[in-house]
Amino acid sequence: MLEQIQQRISQRSVNLFGFAPLMRAAIMIPLIEKDGKWHVLFEVRASTLTRQPGEICFPGGKIDPSDKNEKEAAIRETCEELGIQSDDIEVIADLGVLIPPYSSSIYSFVGRIRDERRLSPNKAEVGEVFYVPLSFFLENEPQVHYIQLAVKPDEDFPFDLIPLGKEYKWRTTRLPEFFYQYNGKIIWGLTARIVQEFISVIK
C-alpha cells in the first residue's frame, strides 16, 4: 500500500506561482499500521489553545526560517506535537501545496510513523489523537456543502483607477467544504480538503 501511495503521488507535477508572500505552513498526514491495516492519525487541538481549540487537524504548523525546507518543517512540527523523534518518521510522498482562499499556503506530506508505542502527544497543543482506517476514506465519499466568497474592497480602495469604479463587477466564487464523520468525530475544513485530495490521488 505504501509503495502504491508513493507511486501515485509522485506522478503528479505542480507548477504554482504568485503565493510567495503568503504565510507558509507544513503538515504531515501520518500513516500508522495497526492490526495489519493502515490508519490515518488525526489530532484534536488542545482546548486551551487560542486558535481553533478542539478542532481536528494534522500535525503541522508555520514554517520557521530555521527550517531547511518545507519537509523538514513538517517533520519538526510532527515530532514536537506527537513527542517522537525524526527517525520515527518515514516521509513517503510530497502531496503538494494547498492554497486556501486567504493568506496562507500549506505544504502537505505523507509520512509513516514507524512505532505507535513511541507516541507521547504534547498536551499543551494536542488534546488527543485518534485513528481512522485508510479503508474508510477509500470506501466513503465525504459530504459536500458549499460556501460563497465575495470581494469587499477596503474603504481607501482607488475605485477611480478601475473601469466602472464602484460599479465594477467583482468575481465571486463558490467553494466546496468537505465533511467526514467517523465514530462521532467530524473532520472538516482544510483537514478534510487535504484528506479528499490525498484519497483522490491514491484511488
N, C-alpha and C. Protein backbone atom coordinates (compact mmCIF):
# COMPACT_ATOMS: atom_id res chain seq x y z
N MET A 1 0.82 -1.20 0.00
CA MET A 1 0.00 0.00 0.00
C MET A 1 0.86 1.27 0.00
N LEU A 2 1.93 1.29 0.84
CA LEU A 2 2.78 2.48 0.88
C LEU A 2 3.45 2.73 -0.47
N GLU A 3 3.89 1.68 -1.15
CA GLU A 3 4.51 1.84 -2.46
C GLU A 3 3.51 2.38 -3.47
N GLN A 4 2.27 1.92 -3.39
CA GLN A 4 1.24 2.42 -4.31
C GLN A 4 0.96 3.89 -4.06
N ILE A 5 0.86 4.28 -2.78
CA ILE A 5 0.63 5.69 -2.45
C ILE A 5 1.78 6.55 -2.97
N GLN A 6 3.00 6.10 -2.72
CA GLN A 6 4.18 6.86 -3.16
C GLN A 6 4.20 7.01 -4.68
N GLN A 7 3.89 5.94 -5.40
CA GLN A 7 3.92 5.97 -6.85
C GLN A 7 2.85 6.90 -7.41
N ARG A 8 1.64 6.81 -6.88
CA ARG A 8 0.54 7.64 -7.40
C ARG A 8 0.83 9.13 -7.20
N ILE A 9 1.31 9.49 -6.01
CA ILE A 9 1.54 10.90 -5.72
C ILE A 9 2.73 11.44 -6.51
N SER A 10 3.79 10.62 -6.67
CA SER A 10 4.99 11.09 -7.35
C SER A 10 4.78 11.32 -8.83
N GLN A 11 3.69 10.83 -9.38
CA GLN A 11 3.41 11.01 -10.81
C GLN A 11 2.87 12.39 -11.12
N ARG A 12 2.49 13.13 -10.09
CA ARG A 12 1.91 14.46 -10.32
C ARG A 12 2.99 15.51 -10.47
N SER A 13 2.66 16.57 -11.22
CA SER A 13 3.57 17.70 -11.32
C SER A 13 2.83 18.96 -10.89
N VAL A 14 3.53 19.83 -10.15
CA VAL A 14 2.92 21.05 -9.62
C VAL A 14 3.76 22.24 -10.06
N ASN A 15 3.11 23.26 -10.59
CA ASN A 15 3.82 24.47 -11.00
C ASN A 15 2.96 25.66 -10.61
N LEU A 16 3.26 26.24 -9.44
CA LEU A 16 2.46 27.33 -8.91
C LEU A 16 3.34 28.58 -8.77
N PHE A 17 2.70 29.74 -8.85
CA PHE A 17 3.44 30.97 -8.61
C PHE A 17 2.48 32.00 -8.05
N GLY A 18 3.05 33.10 -7.51
CA GLY A 18 2.22 34.19 -7.00
C GLY A 18 1.82 34.07 -5.55
N PHE A 19 2.38 33.08 -4.82
CA PHE A 19 1.98 32.93 -3.43
C PHE A 19 3.15 33.07 -2.46
N ALA A 20 4.29 33.56 -2.93
CA ALA A 20 5.47 33.69 -2.06
C ALA A 20 5.21 34.54 -0.82
N PRO A 21 4.42 35.63 -0.86
CA PRO A 21 4.22 36.44 0.35
C PRO A 21 3.30 35.79 1.38
N LEU A 22 2.62 34.72 1.04
CA LEU A 22 1.66 34.13 1.95
C LEU A 22 2.34 33.45 3.13
N MET A 23 1.60 33.36 4.25
CA MET A 23 2.10 32.61 5.40
C MET A 23 2.25 31.16 4.98
N ARG A 24 3.43 30.60 5.22
CA ARG A 24 3.73 29.25 4.77
C ARG A 24 3.68 28.28 5.94
N ALA A 25 2.92 27.21 5.77
CA ALA A 25 2.81 26.19 6.80
C ALA A 25 3.07 24.83 6.16
N ALA A 26 3.39 23.85 7.00
CA ALA A 26 3.63 22.50 6.52
C ALA A 26 2.95 21.52 7.46
N ILE A 27 2.32 20.49 6.88
CA ILE A 27 1.63 19.49 7.69
C ILE A 27 2.05 18.09 7.25
N MET A 28 1.78 17.14 8.12
CA MET A 28 2.07 15.74 7.84
C MET A 28 0.78 14.93 7.93
N ILE A 29 0.55 14.08 6.94
CA ILE A 29 -0.52 13.09 7.01
C ILE A 29 0.13 11.82 7.55
N PRO A 30 -0.04 11.52 8.83
CA PRO A 30 0.67 10.38 9.42
C PRO A 30 -0.10 9.07 9.21
N LEU A 31 0.59 8.08 8.67
CA LEU A 31 0.03 6.75 8.50
C LEU A 31 0.65 5.80 9.51
N ILE A 32 -0.19 4.98 10.14
CA ILE A 32 0.27 4.01 11.13
C ILE A 32 -0.38 2.67 10.83
N GLU A 33 0.41 1.61 10.88
CA GLU A 33 -0.13 0.27 10.67
C GLU A 33 -0.59 -0.30 12.01
N LYS A 34 -1.88 -0.62 12.08
CA LYS A 34 -2.46 -1.19 13.30
C LYS A 34 -3.24 -2.45 12.93
N ASP A 35 -2.91 -3.55 13.59
CA ASP A 35 -3.61 -4.83 13.35
C ASP A 35 -3.58 -5.21 11.87
N GLY A 36 -2.45 -4.92 11.21
CA GLY A 36 -2.30 -5.31 9.82
C GLY A 36 -2.99 -4.41 8.82
N LYS A 37 -3.57 -3.29 9.29
CA LYS A 37 -4.26 -2.36 8.39
C LYS A 37 -3.71 -0.94 8.59
N TRP A 38 -3.70 -0.17 7.50
CA TRP A 38 -3.19 1.19 7.58
C TRP A 38 -4.26 2.14 8.09
N HIS A 39 -3.85 3.02 8.98
CA HIS A 39 -4.74 4.02 9.56
C HIS A 39 -4.13 5.41 9.39
N VAL A 40 -5.00 6.42 9.38
CA VAL A 40 -4.58 7.82 9.35
C VAL A 40 -4.71 8.38 10.76
N LEU A 41 -3.66 9.01 11.25
CA LEU A 41 -3.68 9.62 12.58
C LEU A 41 -4.15 11.06 12.47
N PHE A 42 -5.05 11.44 13.38
CA PHE A 42 -5.52 12.82 13.48
C PHE A 42 -5.29 13.32 14.90
N GLU A 43 -5.14 14.61 15.02
CA GLU A 43 -5.06 15.26 16.33
C GLU A 43 -6.34 16.04 16.60
N VAL A 44 -6.69 16.15 17.88
CA VAL A 44 -7.69 17.10 18.33
C VAL A 44 -6.94 18.20 19.07
N ARG A 45 -7.05 19.42 18.59
CA ARG A 45 -6.30 20.52 19.18
C ARG A 45 -6.71 20.74 20.63
N ALA A 46 -5.74 21.05 21.48
CA ALA A 46 -6.00 21.26 22.90
C ALA A 46 -7.03 22.36 23.11
N SER A 47 -7.88 22.19 24.11
CA SER A 47 -8.95 23.16 24.39
C SER A 47 -8.39 24.48 24.93
N THR A 48 -7.13 24.47 25.36
CA THR A 48 -6.53 25.69 25.91
C THR A 48 -5.91 26.59 24.84
N LEU A 49 -5.84 26.13 23.60
CA LEU A 49 -5.27 26.94 22.53
C LEU A 49 -6.20 28.09 22.18
N THR A 50 -5.62 29.23 21.81
CA THR A 50 -6.43 30.39 21.45
C THR A 50 -6.98 30.29 20.04
N ARG A 51 -6.29 29.54 19.18
CA ARG A 51 -6.71 29.43 17.79
C ARG A 51 -7.26 28.03 17.51
N GLN A 52 -8.51 27.97 17.12
CA GLN A 52 -9.19 26.73 16.75
C GLN A 52 -9.07 25.63 17.81
N PRO A 53 -9.40 25.93 19.07
CA PRO A 53 -9.34 24.89 20.11
C PRO A 53 -10.37 23.80 19.82
N GLY A 54 -9.98 22.54 20.09
CA GLY A 54 -10.90 21.43 19.95
C GLY A 54 -11.14 20.96 18.53
N GLU A 55 -10.52 21.61 17.54
CA GLU A 55 -10.74 21.19 16.16
C GLU A 55 -9.79 20.06 15.77
N ILE A 56 -10.19 19.30 14.77
CA ILE A 56 -9.41 18.16 14.30
C ILE A 56 -8.45 18.62 13.22
N CYS A 57 -7.21 18.14 13.30
CA CYS A 57 -6.20 18.58 12.35
C CYS A 57 -5.14 17.51 12.18
N PHE A 58 -4.20 17.79 11.30
CA PHE A 58 -2.98 17.00 11.16
C PHE A 58 -1.86 17.70 11.92
N PRO A 59 -0.82 16.97 12.29
CA PRO A 59 0.36 17.64 12.87
C PRO A 59 0.93 18.63 11.86
N GLY A 60 1.32 19.80 12.34
CA GLY A 60 1.89 20.78 11.43
C GLY A 60 1.84 22.17 12.00
N GLY A 61 2.38 23.11 11.25
CA GLY A 61 2.39 24.49 11.69
C GLY A 61 3.22 25.37 10.77
N LYS A 62 3.50 26.55 11.24
CA LYS A 62 4.21 27.56 10.45
C LYS A 62 5.64 27.11 10.16
N ILE A 63 6.09 27.38 8.95
CA ILE A 63 7.47 27.09 8.57
C ILE A 63 8.38 28.18 9.13
N ASP A 64 9.35 27.77 9.93
CA ASP A 64 10.27 28.71 10.57
C ASP A 64 11.46 29.00 9.65
N PRO A 65 12.07 30.19 9.79
CA PRO A 65 13.28 30.50 9.00
C PRO A 65 14.40 29.48 9.21
N SER A 66 14.43 28.85 10.37
CA SER A 66 15.49 27.88 10.66
C SER A 66 15.27 26.53 9.99
N ASP A 67 14.07 26.29 9.48
CA ASP A 67 13.80 25.02 8.80
C ASP A 67 14.51 25.00 7.45
N LYS A 68 15.15 23.88 7.12
CA LYS A 68 15.88 23.77 5.86
C LYS A 68 14.94 23.84 4.66
N ASN A 69 13.76 23.25 4.79
CA ASN A 69 12.78 23.24 3.71
C ASN A 69 11.42 22.87 4.29
N GLU A 70 10.43 22.78 3.41
CA GLU A 70 9.07 22.51 3.86
C GLU A 70 8.96 21.13 4.52
N LYS A 71 9.64 20.14 3.96
CA LYS A 71 9.56 18.79 4.52
C LYS A 71 10.13 18.75 5.93
N GLU A 72 11.26 19.44 6.13
CA GLU A 72 11.85 19.46 7.46
C GLU A 72 10.93 20.15 8.46
N ALA A 73 10.20 21.16 8.01
CA ALA A 73 9.25 21.83 8.89
C ALA A 73 8.12 20.89 9.30
N ALA A 74 7.62 20.12 8.34
CA ALA A 74 6.56 19.16 8.65
C ALA A 74 7.04 18.10 9.63
N ILE A 75 8.27 17.63 9.45
CA ILE A 75 8.84 16.64 10.36
C ILE A 75 9.01 17.24 11.75
N ARG A 76 9.56 18.45 11.82
CA ARG A 76 9.78 19.11 13.11
C ARG A 76 8.47 19.28 13.87
N GLU A 77 7.46 19.80 13.20
CA GLU A 77 6.17 20.02 13.84
C GLU A 77 5.55 18.71 14.31
N THR A 78 5.67 17.67 13.49
CA THR A 78 5.12 16.37 13.86
C THR A 78 5.81 15.82 15.09
N CYS A 79 7.13 15.95 15.14
CA CYS A 79 7.89 15.49 16.30
C CYS A 79 7.49 16.27 17.55
N GLU A 80 7.37 17.59 17.44
CA GLU A 80 7.03 18.42 18.59
C GLU A 80 5.64 18.08 19.13
N GLU A 81 4.70 17.83 18.24
CA GLU A 81 3.32 17.62 18.67
C GLU A 81 3.05 16.19 19.13
N LEU A 82 3.71 15.22 18.53
CA LEU A 82 3.48 13.83 18.87
C LEU A 82 4.53 13.25 19.81
N GLY A 83 5.55 14.02 20.15
CA GLY A 83 6.54 13.57 21.09
C GLY A 83 7.41 12.44 20.59
N ILE A 84 7.77 12.49 19.32
CA ILE A 84 8.61 11.45 18.73
C ILE A 84 9.87 12.09 18.13
N GLN A 85 10.77 11.25 17.63
CA GLN A 85 11.99 11.72 17.00
C GLN A 85 11.87 11.63 15.48
N SER A 86 12.73 12.37 14.79
CA SER A 86 12.67 12.37 13.32
C SER A 86 12.90 10.98 12.75
N ASP A 87 13.68 10.16 13.46
CA ASP A 87 13.92 8.79 12.98
C ASP A 87 12.66 7.93 13.05
N ASP A 88 11.66 8.38 13.81
CA ASP A 88 10.41 7.63 13.92
C ASP A 88 9.48 7.87 12.74
N ILE A 89 9.86 8.80 11.85
CA ILE A 89 9.01 9.17 10.72
C ILE A 89 9.70 8.83 9.41
N GLU A 90 8.98 8.19 8.53
CA GLU A 90 9.47 7.94 7.17
C GLU A 90 8.57 8.71 6.21
N VAL A 91 9.07 9.80 5.64
CA VAL A 91 8.29 10.57 4.69
C VAL A 91 8.27 9.81 3.37
N ILE A 92 7.07 9.49 2.88
CA ILE A 92 6.97 8.67 1.68
C ILE A 92 6.51 9.46 0.45
N ALA A 93 5.95 10.66 0.65
CA ALA A 93 5.49 11.41 -0.51
C ALA A 93 5.24 12.87 -0.16
N ASP A 94 5.41 13.71 -1.16
CA ASP A 94 5.06 15.13 -1.09
C ASP A 94 3.74 15.29 -1.83
N LEU A 95 2.65 15.55 -1.08
CA LEU A 95 1.33 15.62 -1.70
C LEU A 95 1.16 16.87 -2.54
N GLY A 96 1.79 17.97 -2.14
CA GLY A 96 1.66 19.21 -2.90
C GLY A 96 1.34 20.38 -1.99
N VAL A 97 0.88 21.47 -2.58
CA VAL A 97 0.63 22.71 -1.85
C VAL A 97 -0.84 23.08 -1.97
N LEU A 98 -1.48 23.29 -0.83
CA LEU A 98 -2.86 23.77 -0.81
C LEU A 98 -2.83 25.28 -0.62
N ILE A 99 -3.53 25.99 -1.50
CA ILE A 99 -3.63 27.45 -1.40
C ILE A 99 -5.08 27.78 -1.03
N PRO A 100 -5.38 27.97 0.25
CA PRO A 100 -6.75 28.33 0.64
C PRO A 100 -7.07 29.75 0.16
N PRO A 101 -8.35 30.14 0.19
CA PRO A 101 -8.73 31.47 -0.29
C PRO A 101 -8.46 32.57 0.73
N TYR A 102 -7.33 32.49 1.40
CA TYR A 102 -6.88 33.56 2.29
C TYR A 102 -5.37 33.42 2.42
N SER A 103 -4.76 34.20 3.28
CA SER A 103 -3.31 34.39 3.23
C SER A 103 -2.49 33.26 3.83
N SER A 104 -2.48 32.13 3.18
CA SER A 104 -1.64 31.02 3.63
C SER A 104 -1.38 30.06 2.49
N SER A 105 -0.34 29.28 2.63
CA SER A 105 -0.05 28.19 1.71
C SER A 105 0.38 27.01 2.56
N ILE A 106 -0.17 25.84 2.30
CA ILE A 106 0.04 24.67 3.15
C ILE A 106 0.71 23.56 2.36
N TYR A 107 1.94 23.25 2.73
CA TYR A 107 2.70 22.18 2.10
C TYR A 107 2.36 20.88 2.83
N SER A 108 1.94 19.87 2.07
CA SER A 108 1.44 18.64 2.69
C SER A 108 2.32 17.45 2.33
N PHE A 109 2.63 16.65 3.34
CA PHE A 109 3.46 15.47 3.16
C PHE A 109 2.77 14.26 3.76
N VAL A 110 3.08 13.10 3.21
CA VAL A 110 2.55 11.84 3.72
C VAL A 110 3.72 11.10 4.37
N GLY A 111 3.53 10.68 5.59
CA GLY A 111 4.60 10.01 6.31
C GLY A 111 4.13 8.81 7.10
N ARG A 112 5.00 7.86 7.26
CA ARG A 112 4.72 6.68 8.07
C ARG A 112 5.32 6.85 9.46
N ILE A 113 4.50 6.63 10.49
CA ILE A 113 5.00 6.59 11.86
C ILE A 113 5.40 5.13 12.13
N ARG A 114 6.66 4.92 12.43
CA ARG A 114 7.18 3.56 12.49
C ARG A 114 6.64 2.75 13.67
N ASP A 115 6.43 3.39 14.82
CA ASP A 115 6.04 2.65 16.01
C ASP A 115 5.06 3.49 16.84
N GLU A 116 3.80 3.07 16.88
CA GLU A 116 2.78 3.80 17.62
C GLU A 116 3.13 3.94 19.10
N ARG A 117 3.85 2.98 19.65
CA ARG A 117 4.15 2.98 21.08
C ARG A 117 5.06 4.14 21.48
N ARG A 118 5.72 4.74 20.52
CA ARG A 118 6.61 5.86 20.83
C ARG A 118 5.87 7.20 20.98
N LEU A 119 4.60 7.22 20.62
CA LEU A 119 3.86 8.48 20.66
C LEU A 119 3.68 8.97 22.09
N SER A 120 3.93 10.26 22.29
CA SER A 120 3.71 10.91 23.57
C SER A 120 3.26 12.34 23.29
N PRO A 121 1.97 12.52 22.90
CA PRO A 121 1.49 13.83 22.44
C PRO A 121 1.74 14.95 23.44
N ASN A 122 2.10 16.11 22.90
CA ASN A 122 2.33 17.31 23.69
C ASN A 122 0.98 17.86 24.15
N LYS A 123 0.68 17.75 25.45
CA LYS A 123 -0.63 18.13 25.97
C LYS A 123 -0.92 19.62 25.83
N ALA A 124 0.12 20.43 25.69
CA ALA A 124 -0.09 21.87 25.51
C ALA A 124 -0.72 22.18 24.15
N GLU A 125 -0.52 21.28 23.19
CA GLU A 125 -1.04 21.51 21.85
C GLU A 125 -2.08 20.49 21.42
N VAL A 126 -1.97 19.26 21.95
CA VAL A 126 -2.80 18.16 21.47
C VAL A 126 -3.68 17.62 22.59
N GLY A 127 -5.00 17.72 22.40
CA GLY A 127 -5.92 17.19 23.40
C GLY A 127 -5.99 15.68 23.36
N GLU A 128 -5.97 15.13 22.16
CA GLU A 128 -5.99 13.68 21.97
C GLU A 128 -5.62 13.36 20.53
N VAL A 129 -5.29 12.10 20.29
CA VAL A 129 -5.11 11.62 18.93
C VAL A 129 -6.08 10.47 18.71
N PHE A 130 -6.47 10.26 17.48
CA PHE A 130 -7.32 9.13 17.15
C PHE A 130 -6.97 8.66 15.74
N TYR A 131 -7.45 7.48 15.40
CA TYR A 131 -7.07 6.85 14.15
C TYR A 131 -8.32 6.51 13.33
N VAL A 132 -8.21 6.68 12.03
CA VAL A 132 -9.28 6.30 11.11
C VAL A 132 -8.67 5.35 10.08
N PRO A 133 -9.28 4.17 9.89
CA PRO A 133 -8.74 3.26 8.87
C PRO A 133 -8.68 3.93 7.50
N LEU A 134 -7.59 3.74 6.80
CA LEU A 134 -7.48 4.29 5.45
C LEU A 134 -8.60 3.77 4.56
N SER A 135 -9.02 2.55 4.81
CA SER A 135 -10.09 1.96 4.01
C SER A 135 -11.40 2.73 4.15
N PHE A 136 -11.61 3.37 5.30
CA PHE A 136 -12.83 4.16 5.48
C PHE A 136 -12.91 5.27 4.45
N PHE A 137 -11.80 5.98 4.25
CA PHE A 137 -11.79 7.08 3.29
C PHE A 137 -11.85 6.57 1.85
N LEU A 138 -11.26 5.42 1.61
CA LEU A 138 -11.30 4.85 0.26
C LEU A 138 -12.70 4.37 -0.11
N GLU A 139 -13.48 4.00 0.88
CA GLU A 139 -14.80 3.43 0.63
C GLU A 139 -15.95 4.41 0.84
N ASN A 140 -15.69 5.56 1.46
CA ASN A 140 -16.76 6.51 1.78
C ASN A 140 -16.43 7.90 1.24
N GLU A 141 -17.35 8.43 0.45
CA GLU A 141 -17.20 9.79 -0.06
C GLU A 141 -17.58 10.79 1.03
N PRO A 142 -16.95 11.95 1.06
CA PRO A 142 -17.33 12.95 2.06
C PRO A 142 -18.65 13.62 1.70
N GLN A 143 -19.32 14.17 2.70
CA GLN A 143 -20.41 15.09 2.43
C GLN A 143 -19.81 16.37 1.86
N VAL A 144 -20.52 16.99 0.93
CA VAL A 144 -20.02 18.22 0.32
C VAL A 144 -21.07 19.31 0.46
N HIS A 145 -20.68 20.43 1.05
CA HIS A 145 -21.54 21.61 1.15
C HIS A 145 -20.73 22.79 0.62
N TYR A 146 -21.42 23.87 0.29
CA TYR A 146 -20.74 24.97 -0.40
C TYR A 146 -20.86 26.28 0.37
N ILE A 147 -19.83 27.10 0.24
CA ILE A 147 -19.82 28.44 0.79
C ILE A 147 -19.55 29.43 -0.34
N GLN A 148 -20.06 30.64 -0.19
CA GLN A 148 -19.86 31.69 -1.17
C GLN A 148 -18.80 32.67 -0.67
N LEU A 149 -17.87 33.01 -1.54
CA LEU A 149 -16.87 34.02 -1.22
C LEU A 149 -17.10 35.24 -2.10
N ALA A 150 -17.10 36.42 -1.48
CA ALA A 150 -17.31 37.65 -2.21
C ALA A 150 -16.16 38.62 -1.93
N VAL A 151 -15.97 39.58 -2.82
CA VAL A 151 -14.91 40.59 -2.68
C VAL A 151 -15.47 41.84 -2.02
N LYS A 152 -14.77 42.34 -0.99
CA LYS A 152 -15.16 43.57 -0.31
C LYS A 152 -13.94 44.48 -0.20
N PRO A 153 -13.78 45.43 -1.13
CA PRO A 153 -12.60 46.31 -1.10
C PRO A 153 -12.56 47.17 0.16
N ASP A 154 -11.35 47.55 0.57
CA ASP A 154 -11.19 48.47 1.69
C ASP A 154 -11.76 49.83 1.34
N GLU A 155 -12.02 50.63 2.38
CA GLU A 155 -12.61 51.95 2.18
C GLU A 155 -11.73 52.86 1.35
N ASP A 156 -10.40 52.68 1.43
CA ASP A 156 -9.49 53.57 0.68
C ASP A 156 -9.13 52.98 -0.69
N PHE A 157 -9.87 51.97 -1.15
CA PHE A 157 -9.57 51.37 -2.45
C PHE A 157 -9.75 52.42 -3.55
N PRO A 158 -8.80 52.52 -4.52
CA PRO A 158 -8.86 53.55 -5.57
C PRO A 158 -9.82 53.18 -6.70
N PHE A 159 -11.11 53.30 -6.45
CA PHE A 159 -12.10 52.95 -7.47
C PHE A 159 -11.94 53.77 -8.74
N ASP A 160 -11.37 54.99 -8.61
CA ASP A 160 -11.21 55.85 -9.78
C ASP A 160 -10.18 55.31 -10.77
N LEU A 161 -9.40 54.29 -10.35
CA LEU A 161 -8.37 53.74 -11.22
C LEU A 161 -8.83 52.50 -11.99
N ILE A 162 -10.07 52.06 -11.77
CA ILE A 162 -10.52 50.84 -12.44
C ILE A 162 -11.79 51.12 -13.24
N PRO A 163 -12.04 50.36 -14.30
CA PRO A 163 -13.25 50.55 -15.10
C PRO A 163 -14.51 50.40 -14.25
N LEU A 164 -15.49 51.26 -14.47
CA LEU A 164 -16.79 51.25 -13.79
C LEU A 164 -16.72 51.69 -12.33
N GLY A 165 -15.54 51.95 -11.82
CA GLY A 165 -15.42 52.44 -10.45
C GLY A 165 -16.10 51.54 -9.43
N LYS A 166 -16.95 52.16 -8.60
CA LYS A 166 -17.63 51.38 -7.56
C LYS A 166 -18.64 50.40 -8.13
N GLU A 167 -18.96 50.51 -9.39
CA GLU A 167 -19.90 49.59 -10.03
C GLU A 167 -19.19 48.39 -10.67
N TYR A 168 -17.90 48.31 -10.45
CA TYR A 168 -17.15 47.19 -11.03
C TYR A 168 -17.74 45.86 -10.57
N LYS A 169 -17.86 44.93 -11.49
CA LYS A 169 -18.46 43.63 -11.19
C LYS A 169 -17.37 42.66 -10.73
N TRP A 170 -17.19 42.58 -9.42
CA TRP A 170 -16.19 41.68 -8.86
C TRP A 170 -16.60 40.23 -9.06
N ARG A 171 -15.62 39.42 -9.31
CA ARG A 171 -15.88 37.99 -9.48
C ARG A 171 -16.05 37.33 -8.12
N THR A 172 -17.08 36.55 -7.97
CA THR A 172 -17.29 35.78 -6.75
C THR A 172 -17.05 34.30 -7.05
N THR A 173 -16.97 33.51 -6.02
CA THR A 173 -16.73 32.09 -6.24
C THR A 173 -17.48 31.25 -5.21
N ARG A 174 -17.71 30.00 -5.55
CA ARG A 174 -18.42 29.05 -4.70
C ARG A 174 -17.47 27.89 -4.41
N LEU A 175 -17.16 27.70 -3.15
CA LEU A 175 -16.16 26.72 -2.77
C LEU A 175 -16.78 25.55 -2.02
N PRO A 176 -16.29 24.33 -2.28
CA PRO A 176 -16.80 23.17 -1.56
C PRO A 176 -16.17 23.04 -0.18
N GLU A 177 -16.96 22.63 0.79
CA GLU A 177 -16.46 22.24 2.11
C GLU A 177 -16.78 20.75 2.28
N PHE A 178 -15.76 19.99 2.64
CA PHE A 178 -15.91 18.54 2.77
C PHE A 178 -16.07 18.16 4.24
N PHE A 179 -16.90 17.14 4.49
CA PHE A 179 -17.15 16.66 5.84
C PHE A 179 -17.07 15.13 5.86
N TYR A 180 -16.22 14.60 6.74
CA TYR A 180 -16.17 13.17 7.01
C TYR A 180 -16.61 12.95 8.45
N GLN A 181 -17.49 11.99 8.67
CA GLN A 181 -17.93 11.64 10.02
C GLN A 181 -17.51 10.22 10.34
N TYR A 182 -16.75 10.08 11.44
CA TYR A 182 -16.28 8.75 11.82
C TYR A 182 -16.32 8.61 13.33
N ASN A 183 -17.11 7.70 13.83
CA ASN A 183 -17.22 7.41 15.27
C ASN A 183 -17.40 8.69 16.10
N GLY A 184 -18.29 9.55 15.66
CA GLY A 184 -18.58 10.77 16.40
C GLY A 184 -17.62 11.91 16.15
N LYS A 185 -16.57 11.70 15.38
CA LYS A 185 -15.62 12.75 15.05
C LYS A 185 -16.00 13.39 13.72
N ILE A 186 -15.93 14.71 13.66
CA ILE A 186 -16.23 15.44 12.44
C ILE A 186 -14.93 16.02 11.89
N ILE A 187 -14.52 15.52 10.74
CA ILE A 187 -13.31 16.02 10.07
C ILE A 187 -13.78 16.94 8.95
N TRP A 188 -13.41 18.20 9.03
CA TRP A 188 -13.88 19.16 8.02
C TRP A 188 -12.81 20.24 7.82
N GLY A 189 -13.17 21.26 7.05
CA GLY A 189 -12.25 22.38 6.82
C GLY A 189 -11.04 21.97 5.99
N LEU A 190 -9.91 22.63 6.25
CA LEU A 190 -8.71 22.36 5.46
C LEU A 190 -8.23 20.93 5.65
N THR A 191 -8.43 20.37 6.84
CA THR A 191 -8.02 18.99 7.08
C THR A 191 -8.78 18.04 6.16
N ALA A 192 -10.08 18.22 6.07
CA ALA A 192 -10.88 17.37 5.17
C ALA A 192 -10.51 17.61 3.72
N ARG A 193 -10.18 18.85 3.37
CA ARG A 193 -9.78 19.15 1.99
C ARG A 193 -8.50 18.41 1.64
N ILE A 194 -7.56 18.35 2.57
CA ILE A 194 -6.32 17.63 2.33
C ILE A 194 -6.57 16.13 2.25
N VAL A 195 -7.44 15.61 3.13
CA VAL A 195 -7.80 14.20 3.07
C VAL A 195 -8.41 13.86 1.72
N GLN A 196 -9.34 14.70 1.26
CA GLN A 196 -10.03 14.44 0.00
C GLN A 196 -9.04 14.42 -1.16
N GLU A 197 -8.08 15.32 -1.15
CA GLU A 197 -7.06 15.35 -2.21
C GLU A 197 -6.18 14.10 -2.15
N PHE A 198 -5.75 13.76 -0.94
CA PHE A 198 -4.92 12.58 -0.73
C PHE A 198 -5.61 11.32 -1.25
N ILE A 199 -6.87 11.14 -0.87
CA ILE A 199 -7.59 9.95 -1.29
C ILE A 199 -7.86 9.95 -2.79
N SER A 200 -8.19 11.11 -3.35
CA SER A 200 -8.47 11.16 -4.80
C SER A 200 -7.24 10.80 -5.62
N VAL A 201 -6.04 11.10 -5.09
CA VAL A 201 -4.80 10.79 -5.82
C VAL A 201 -4.48 9.30 -5.75
N ILE A 202 -4.66 8.69 -4.58
CA ILE A 202 -4.25 7.29 -4.44
C ILE A 202 -5.32 6.31 -4.91
N LYS A 203 -6.55 6.78 -5.12
CA LYS A 203 -7.59 5.85 -5.57
C LYS A 203 -7.27 5.30 -6.96
